Amino acid sequence: MNKTGSDAKLYYGPAGSKATNELENTKDVTLNLDRGEADVTTRGNDGWKASIPGLKEASVEWEMVWDTDDAGFTAIKDAYFSGDPIALAVLDGENGSGLDADFSIMSFSRNEPLEDAMSVSVTAKPARSSRAPQWID
């Protein structure tokens, strides 16, 4: 099934629990998924380098309109300034597929364009938590 970015959902909530509050004040959300790699090259590879997948890495990047009256904006801002984790679920739609984990807000950069609304660029990465990141289908 084809989907557009406007179908996707980003949810937030208290760390340690499933994120259930929709973060509606978002645009251009990007879920980055990567893996580290381990070199397993041997002489038996006939001159070819060989690798196996290592640890999974994730980050979520998005922009929000600077709106101090918005509860979601405030929750993300507070998580950044306190250093406390926040639950996020980055799904491809309501009850969809995506990553669910407790995240640390690593970047909270305010943008002040001359002819556009003030906004904030946010980057989040999985936090140390008793709730390991999981992929939901």
N, C-alpha and C. Protein backbone atom coordinates (compact mmCIF):
# COMPACT_ATOMS: atom_id res chain seq x y z
N MET A 1 0.84 -1.17 0.00
CA MET A 1 0.00 0.00 0.00
C MET A 1 0.88 1.24 0.00
N ASN A 2 0.64 2.15 -0.90
CA ASN A 2 1.39 3.41 -0.97
C ASN A 2 0.87 4.38 0.07
N LYS A 3 1.80 5.09 0.71
CA LYS A 3 1.44 6.08 1.72
C LYS A 3 2.22 7.34 1.47
N THR A 4 1.70 8.45 1.95
CA THR A 4 2.45 9.71 1.91
C THR A 4 2.88 10.06 3.34
N GLY A 5 3.79 11.00 3.45
CA GLY A 5 4.26 11.41 4.77
C GLY A 5 3.16 11.95 5.65
N SER A 6 2.11 12.50 5.05
CA SER A 6 1.01 13.03 5.85
C SER A 6 0.19 11.92 6.50
N ASP A 7 0.35 10.67 6.03
CA ASP A 7 -0.33 9.53 6.66
C ASP A 7 0.37 9.10 7.95
N ALA A 8 1.65 9.41 8.06
CA ALA A 8 2.46 8.93 9.18
C ALA A 8 2.08 9.63 10.49
N LYS A 9 2.47 9.01 11.58
CA LYS A 9 2.17 9.54 12.92
C LYS A 9 3.42 9.49 13.78
N LEU A 10 3.62 10.53 14.57
CA LEU A 10 4.67 10.57 15.58
C LEU A 10 3.98 10.78 16.92
N TYR A 11 4.19 9.82 17.82
CA TYR A 11 3.55 9.86 19.14
C TYR A 11 4.61 10.10 20.21
N TYR A 12 4.19 10.71 21.33
CA TYR A 12 5.09 10.92 22.46
C TYR A 12 4.36 10.56 23.75
N GLY A 13 5.13 10.37 24.81
CA GLY A 13 4.57 10.07 26.12
C GLY A 13 5.67 9.94 27.15
N PRO A 14 5.31 9.60 28.38
CA PRO A 14 6.31 9.45 29.43
C PRO A 14 7.24 8.27 29.13
N ALA A 15 8.51 8.44 29.42
CA ALA A 15 9.47 7.35 29.25
C ALA A 15 9.03 6.15 30.07
N GLY A 16 9.30 4.96 29.55
CA GLY A 16 8.94 3.73 30.25
C GLY A 16 7.58 3.19 29.86
N SER A 17 6.84 3.96 29.06
CA SER A 17 5.52 3.50 28.62
C SER A 17 5.37 3.74 27.12
N LYS A 18 4.35 3.14 26.55
CA LYS A 18 4.10 3.32 25.13
C LYS A 18 3.64 4.76 24.88
N ALA A 19 4.18 5.37 23.83
CA ALA A 19 3.81 6.73 23.46
C ALA A 19 2.41 6.72 22.84
N THR A 20 1.49 7.51 23.39
CA THR A 20 0.10 7.49 22.91
C THR A 20 -0.44 8.87 22.51
N ASN A 21 0.31 9.93 22.78
CA ASN A 21 -0.15 11.28 22.44
C ASN A 21 0.43 11.66 21.08
N GLU A 22 -0.42 12.02 20.13
CA GLU A 22 0.08 12.37 18.81
C GLU A 22 0.78 13.73 18.85
N LEU A 23 1.96 13.78 18.28
CA LEU A 23 2.72 15.01 18.14
C LEU A 23 2.35 15.60 16.78
N GLU A 24 1.32 16.44 16.78
CA GLU A 24 0.75 16.94 15.52
C GLU A 24 1.55 18.10 14.94
N ASN A 25 2.29 18.82 15.74
CA ASN A 25 3.04 20.00 15.31
C ASN A 25 4.38 19.56 14.72
N THR A 26 4.35 18.71 13.71
CA THR A 26 5.59 18.23 13.10
C THR A 26 5.50 18.33 11.58
N LYS A 27 6.67 18.42 10.97
CA LYS A 27 6.75 18.32 9.51
C LYS A 27 8.10 17.71 9.17
N ASP A 28 8.13 17.08 8.01
CA ASP A 28 9.37 16.50 7.48
C ASP A 28 10.08 15.60 8.49
N VAL A 29 9.38 14.59 9.00
CA VAL A 29 9.95 13.64 9.94
C VAL A 29 10.79 12.62 9.16
N THR A 30 11.98 12.32 9.68
CA THR A 30 12.85 11.32 9.08
C THR A 30 13.27 10.32 10.14
N LEU A 31 13.00 9.04 9.89
CA LEU A 31 13.46 7.95 10.75
C LEU A 31 14.68 7.34 10.09
N ASN A 32 15.84 7.51 10.72
CA ASN A 32 17.10 6.97 10.20
C ASN A 32 17.40 5.65 10.90
N LEU A 33 17.58 4.59 10.14
CA LEU A 33 17.94 3.27 10.67
C LEU A 33 19.23 2.81 10.00
N ASP A 34 20.22 2.50 10.79
CA ASP A 34 21.52 2.04 10.29
C ASP A 34 22.00 0.88 11.13
N ARG A 35 23.04 0.22 10.63
CA ARG A 35 23.71 -0.82 11.40
C ARG A 35 25.20 -0.56 11.37
N GLY A 36 25.82 -0.84 12.49
CA GLY A 36 27.27 -0.87 12.49
C GLY A 36 27.72 -2.11 11.73
N GLU A 37 29.00 -2.22 11.50
CA GLU A 37 29.47 -3.41 10.81
C GLU A 37 30.78 -3.88 11.41
N ALA A 38 30.96 -5.18 11.33
CA ALA A 38 32.20 -5.80 11.81
C ALA A 38 32.92 -6.39 10.61
N ASP A 39 34.21 -6.17 10.54
CA ASP A 39 35.03 -6.68 9.46
C ASP A 39 35.36 -8.15 9.74
N VAL A 40 34.97 -9.03 8.86
CA VAL A 40 35.25 -10.47 9.00
C VAL A 40 36.05 -10.98 7.79
N THR A 41 36.84 -10.08 7.21
CA THR A 41 37.66 -10.43 6.06
C THR A 41 38.74 -11.44 6.46
N THR A 42 38.89 -12.45 5.62
CA THR A 42 39.94 -13.44 5.81
C THR A 42 40.67 -13.65 4.50
N ARG A 43 41.76 -14.34 4.56
CA ARG A 43 42.50 -14.66 3.34
C ARG A 43 41.67 -15.51 2.40
N GLY A 44 40.71 -16.24 2.95
CA GLY A 44 39.86 -17.10 2.13
C GLY A 44 38.81 -16.35 1.32
N ASN A 45 38.73 -15.03 1.47
CA ASN A 45 37.74 -14.24 0.73
C ASN A 45 38.24 -13.84 -0.65
N ASP A 46 39.38 -14.37 -1.07
CA ASP A 46 39.92 -14.15 -2.41
C ASP A 46 40.01 -12.66 -2.77
N GLY A 47 40.52 -11.86 -1.80
CA GLY A 47 40.73 -10.45 -2.07
C GLY A 47 39.51 -9.56 -1.85
N TRP A 48 38.42 -10.14 -1.40
CA TRP A 48 37.20 -9.34 -1.14
C TRP A 48 37.07 -9.08 0.34
N LYS A 49 36.73 -7.85 0.67
CA LYS A 49 36.45 -7.50 2.06
C LYS A 49 35.09 -8.07 2.44
N ALA A 50 34.95 -8.60 3.63
CA ALA A 50 33.68 -9.19 4.10
C ALA A 50 33.25 -8.51 5.40
N SER A 51 31.96 -8.31 5.52
CA SER A 51 31.41 -7.66 6.71
C SER A 51 30.18 -8.41 7.18
N ILE A 52 29.91 -8.27 8.48
CA ILE A 52 28.64 -8.76 9.03
C ILE A 52 27.98 -7.59 9.77
N PRO A 53 26.64 -7.62 9.86
CA PRO A 53 25.97 -6.51 10.55
C PRO A 53 26.29 -6.49 12.03
N GLY A 54 26.42 -5.26 12.54
CA GLY A 54 26.67 -5.06 13.96
C GLY A 54 25.42 -4.51 14.64
N LEU A 55 25.62 -3.66 15.60
CA LEU A 55 24.52 -3.09 16.37
C LEU A 55 23.66 -2.17 15.51
N LYS A 56 22.37 -2.17 15.79
CA LYS A 56 21.44 -1.28 15.09
C LYS A 56 21.54 0.12 15.71
N GLU A 57 21.38 1.13 14.86
CA GLU A 57 21.37 2.52 15.30
C GLU A 57 20.11 3.18 14.76
N ALA A 58 19.60 4.14 15.49
CA ALA A 58 18.41 4.86 15.03
C ALA A 58 18.50 6.32 15.46
N SER A 59 17.88 7.16 14.68
CA SER A 59 17.66 8.55 15.07
C SER A 59 16.40 9.03 14.36
N VAL A 60 15.75 10.00 14.96
CA VAL A 60 14.56 10.61 14.38
C VAL A 60 14.83 12.10 14.30
N GLU A 61 14.57 12.67 13.14
CA GLU A 61 14.75 14.11 12.94
C GLU A 61 13.45 14.69 12.44
N TRP A 62 13.08 15.86 12.96
CA TRP A 62 11.87 16.52 12.49
C TRP A 62 11.93 18.00 12.82
N GLU A 63 10.99 18.73 12.23
CA GLU A 63 10.83 20.15 12.53
C GLU A 63 9.46 20.38 13.15
N MET A 64 9.41 21.37 14.02
CA MET A 64 8.16 21.78 14.65
C MET A 64 8.06 23.30 14.58
N VAL A 65 6.84 23.81 14.45
CA VAL A 65 6.63 25.25 14.58
C VAL A 65 6.88 25.62 16.04
N TRP A 66 7.56 26.73 16.27
CA TRP A 66 7.83 27.21 17.64
C TRP A 66 6.52 27.67 18.25
N ASP A 67 5.93 26.85 19.10
CA ASP A 67 4.62 27.13 19.68
C ASP A 67 4.63 26.73 21.15
N THR A 68 4.90 27.68 22.02
CA THR A 68 5.03 27.39 23.45
C THR A 68 3.70 27.04 24.11
N ASP A 69 2.57 27.23 23.40
CA ASP A 69 1.26 26.83 23.93
C ASP A 69 0.91 25.38 23.57
N ASP A 70 1.72 24.74 22.72
CA ASP A 70 1.47 23.37 22.28
C ASP A 70 2.07 22.39 23.29
N ALA A 71 1.25 21.46 23.81
CA ALA A 71 1.71 20.52 24.83
C ALA A 71 2.83 19.61 24.31
N GLY A 72 2.72 19.18 23.06
CA GLY A 72 3.77 18.33 22.49
C GLY A 72 5.09 19.06 22.37
N PHE A 73 5.04 20.30 21.89
CA PHE A 73 6.24 21.13 21.80
C PHE A 73 6.89 21.25 23.18
N THR A 74 6.07 21.54 24.17
CA THR A 74 6.59 21.71 25.54
C THR A 74 7.21 20.42 26.06
N ALA A 75 6.59 19.28 25.78
CA ALA A 75 7.14 18.00 26.23
C ALA A 75 8.51 17.73 25.62
N ILE A 76 8.67 18.03 24.32
CA ILE A 76 9.96 17.83 23.66
C ILE A 76 11.00 18.81 24.21
N LYS A 77 10.62 20.08 24.37
CA LYS A 77 11.52 21.10 24.92
C LYS A 77 11.98 20.71 26.32
N ASP A 78 11.02 20.29 27.16
CA ASP A 78 11.35 19.91 28.53
C ASP A 78 12.28 18.69 28.57
N ALA A 79 12.04 17.72 27.67
CA ALA A 79 12.91 16.54 27.61
C ALA A 79 14.33 16.94 27.21
N TYR A 80 14.44 17.89 26.31
CA TYR A 80 15.78 18.37 25.92
C TYR A 80 16.49 19.03 27.11
N PHE A 81 15.83 20.00 27.72
CA PHE A 81 16.49 20.77 28.78
C PHE A 81 16.73 19.96 30.05
N SER A 82 15.87 19.00 30.35
CA SER A 82 16.07 18.19 31.55
C SER A 82 17.04 17.03 31.32
N GLY A 83 17.19 16.63 30.06
CA GLY A 83 18.02 15.46 29.77
C GLY A 83 17.31 14.15 30.04
N ASP A 84 16.04 14.22 30.41
CA ASP A 84 15.27 13.00 30.69
C ASP A 84 14.76 12.39 29.39
N PRO A 85 14.67 11.06 29.33
CA PRO A 85 14.13 10.42 28.12
C PRO A 85 12.63 10.65 27.98
N ILE A 86 12.17 10.48 26.75
CA ILE A 86 10.75 10.61 26.42
C ILE A 86 10.41 9.46 25.47
N ALA A 87 9.23 8.89 25.64
CA ALA A 87 8.79 7.81 24.75
C ALA A 87 8.36 8.42 23.42
N LEU A 88 8.82 7.83 22.31
CA LEU A 88 8.40 8.22 20.97
C LEU A 88 8.07 6.97 20.17
N ALA A 89 7.06 7.07 19.35
CA ALA A 89 6.72 6.01 18.39
C ALA A 89 6.60 6.67 17.03
N VAL A 90 7.42 6.22 16.09
CA VAL A 90 7.48 6.80 14.75
C VAL A 90 6.84 5.78 13.81
N LEU A 91 5.56 6.00 13.48
CA LEU A 91 4.78 5.01 12.75
C LEU A 91 4.37 5.51 11.38
N ASP A 92 4.14 4.59 10.46
CA ASP A 92 3.74 4.96 9.09
C ASP A 92 2.26 5.26 8.96
N GLY A 93 1.53 5.26 10.06
CA GLY A 93 0.12 5.57 10.08
C GLY A 93 -0.45 5.19 11.43
N GLU A 94 -1.71 5.51 11.65
CA GLU A 94 -2.37 5.15 12.90
C GLU A 94 -2.34 3.63 13.04
N ASN A 95 -1.87 3.13 14.19
CA ASN A 95 -1.70 1.70 14.43
C ASN A 95 -0.80 1.06 13.38
N GLY A 96 0.18 1.81 12.87
CA GLY A 96 1.03 1.35 11.78
C GLY A 96 2.33 0.73 12.23
N SER A 97 3.27 0.65 11.30
CA SER A 97 4.59 0.07 11.53
C SER A 97 5.60 1.16 11.82
N GLY A 98 6.57 0.84 12.65
CA GLY A 98 7.63 1.79 12.92
C GLY A 98 8.36 1.48 14.21
N LEU A 99 9.19 2.41 14.63
CA LEU A 99 10.03 2.23 15.81
C LEU A 99 9.37 2.84 17.04
N ASP A 100 9.40 2.08 18.13
CA ASP A 100 8.85 2.51 19.42
C ASP A 100 9.96 2.36 20.45
N ALA A 101 10.31 3.45 21.14
CA ALA A 101 11.40 3.39 22.12
C ALA A 101 11.35 4.63 23.01
N ASP A 102 12.16 4.60 24.06
CA ASP A 102 12.43 5.79 24.84
C ASP A 102 13.62 6.48 24.18
N PHE A 103 13.52 7.78 23.98
CA PHE A 103 14.54 8.55 23.27
C PHE A 103 15.08 9.67 24.13
N SER A 104 16.31 10.06 23.85
CA SER A 104 16.89 11.30 24.37
C SER A 104 16.82 12.34 23.27
N ILE A 105 16.43 13.55 23.61
CA ILE A 105 16.41 14.64 22.64
C ILE A 105 17.83 15.21 22.60
N MET A 106 18.51 14.98 21.49
CA MET A 106 19.92 15.33 21.36
C MET A 106 20.14 16.71 20.76
N SER A 107 19.17 17.20 20.00
CA SER A 107 19.30 18.51 19.37
C SER A 107 17.95 19.20 19.39
N PHE A 108 17.96 20.48 19.70
CA PHE A 108 16.75 21.29 19.77
C PHE A 108 17.14 22.69 19.30
N SER A 109 17.23 22.86 17.98
CA SER A 109 17.80 24.07 17.39
C SER A 109 16.71 24.97 16.82
N ARG A 110 16.65 26.21 17.31
CA ARG A 110 15.63 27.15 16.86
C ARG A 110 16.04 27.81 15.55
N ASN A 111 15.10 27.85 14.60
CA ASN A 111 15.30 28.49 13.31
C ASN A 111 14.44 29.75 13.27
N GLU A 112 15.03 30.86 12.83
CA GLU A 112 14.33 32.14 12.80
C GLU A 112 14.40 32.76 11.41
N PRO A 113 13.74 32.17 10.42
CA PRO A 113 13.78 32.73 9.07
C PRO A 113 13.03 34.06 9.01
N LEU A 114 13.50 34.96 8.17
CA LEU A 114 12.92 36.29 8.09
C LEU A 114 11.47 36.30 7.64
N GLU A 115 11.11 35.45 6.68
CA GLU A 115 9.76 35.48 6.12
C GLU A 115 9.00 34.17 6.33
N ASP A 116 9.26 33.51 7.43
CA ASP A 116 8.56 32.26 7.71
C ASP A 116 8.41 32.14 9.22
N ALA A 117 7.59 31.20 9.65
CA ALA A 117 7.37 31.00 11.09
C ALA A 117 8.64 30.48 11.75
N MET A 118 8.86 30.90 12.98
CA MET A 118 9.96 30.32 13.76
C MET A 118 9.68 28.85 13.94
N SER A 119 10.74 28.06 13.95
CA SER A 119 10.58 26.62 14.10
C SER A 119 11.75 26.08 14.90
N VAL A 120 11.68 24.80 15.19
CA VAL A 120 12.77 24.13 15.89
C VAL A 120 13.06 22.83 15.14
N SER A 121 14.34 22.54 14.96
CA SER A 121 14.78 21.27 14.38
C SER A 121 15.18 20.36 15.53
N VAL A 122 14.62 19.15 15.55
CA VAL A 122 14.81 18.23 16.66
C VAL A 122 15.48 16.95 16.17
N THR A 123 16.41 16.44 16.95
CA THR A 123 17.00 15.12 16.70
C THR A 123 16.88 14.32 17.99
N ALA A 124 16.38 13.08 17.86
CA ALA A 124 16.23 12.19 19.00
C ALA A 124 16.92 10.87 18.70
N LYS A 125 17.52 10.27 19.74
CA LYS A 125 18.18 8.96 19.61
C LYS A 125 17.74 8.10 20.77
N PRO A 126 17.69 6.77 20.56
CA PRO A 126 17.28 5.89 21.65
C PRO A 126 18.11 6.13 22.92
N ALA A 127 17.42 6.13 24.04
CA ALA A 127 18.03 6.39 25.35
C ALA A 127 18.32 5.07 26.06
N ARG A 128 19.15 5.14 27.06
CA ARG A 128 19.34 3.99 27.95
C ARG A 128 18.05 3.85 28.75
N SER A 129 17.45 2.68 28.65
CA SER A 129 16.13 2.49 29.23
C SER A 129 15.88 1.00 29.46
N SER A 130 14.99 0.71 30.40
CA SER A 130 14.58 -0.68 30.61
C SER A 130 13.67 -1.15 29.48
N ARG A 131 13.22 -0.20 28.64
CA ARG A 131 12.33 -0.50 27.51
C ARG A 131 13.16 -0.44 26.23
N ALA A 132 13.62 -1.59 25.77
CA ALA A 132 14.47 -1.64 24.57
C ALA A 132 13.69 -1.20 23.34
N PRO A 133 14.35 -0.53 22.38
CA PRO A 133 13.66 -0.17 21.14
C PRO A 133 13.07 -1.40 20.47
N GLN A 134 11.91 -1.24 19.90
CA GLN A 134 11.30 -2.36 19.18
C GLN A 134 10.61 -1.87 17.92
N TRP A 135 10.64 -2.71 16.89
CA TRP A 135 9.96 -2.43 15.65
C TRP A 135 8.56 -3.00 15.76
N ILE A 136 7.56 -2.18 15.48
CA ILE A 136 6.16 -2.59 15.55
C ILE A 136 5.65 -2.80 14.13
N ASP A 137 4.96 -3.90 13.91
CA ASP A 137 4.30 -4.14 12.61
C ASP A 137 2.81 -4.16 12.77
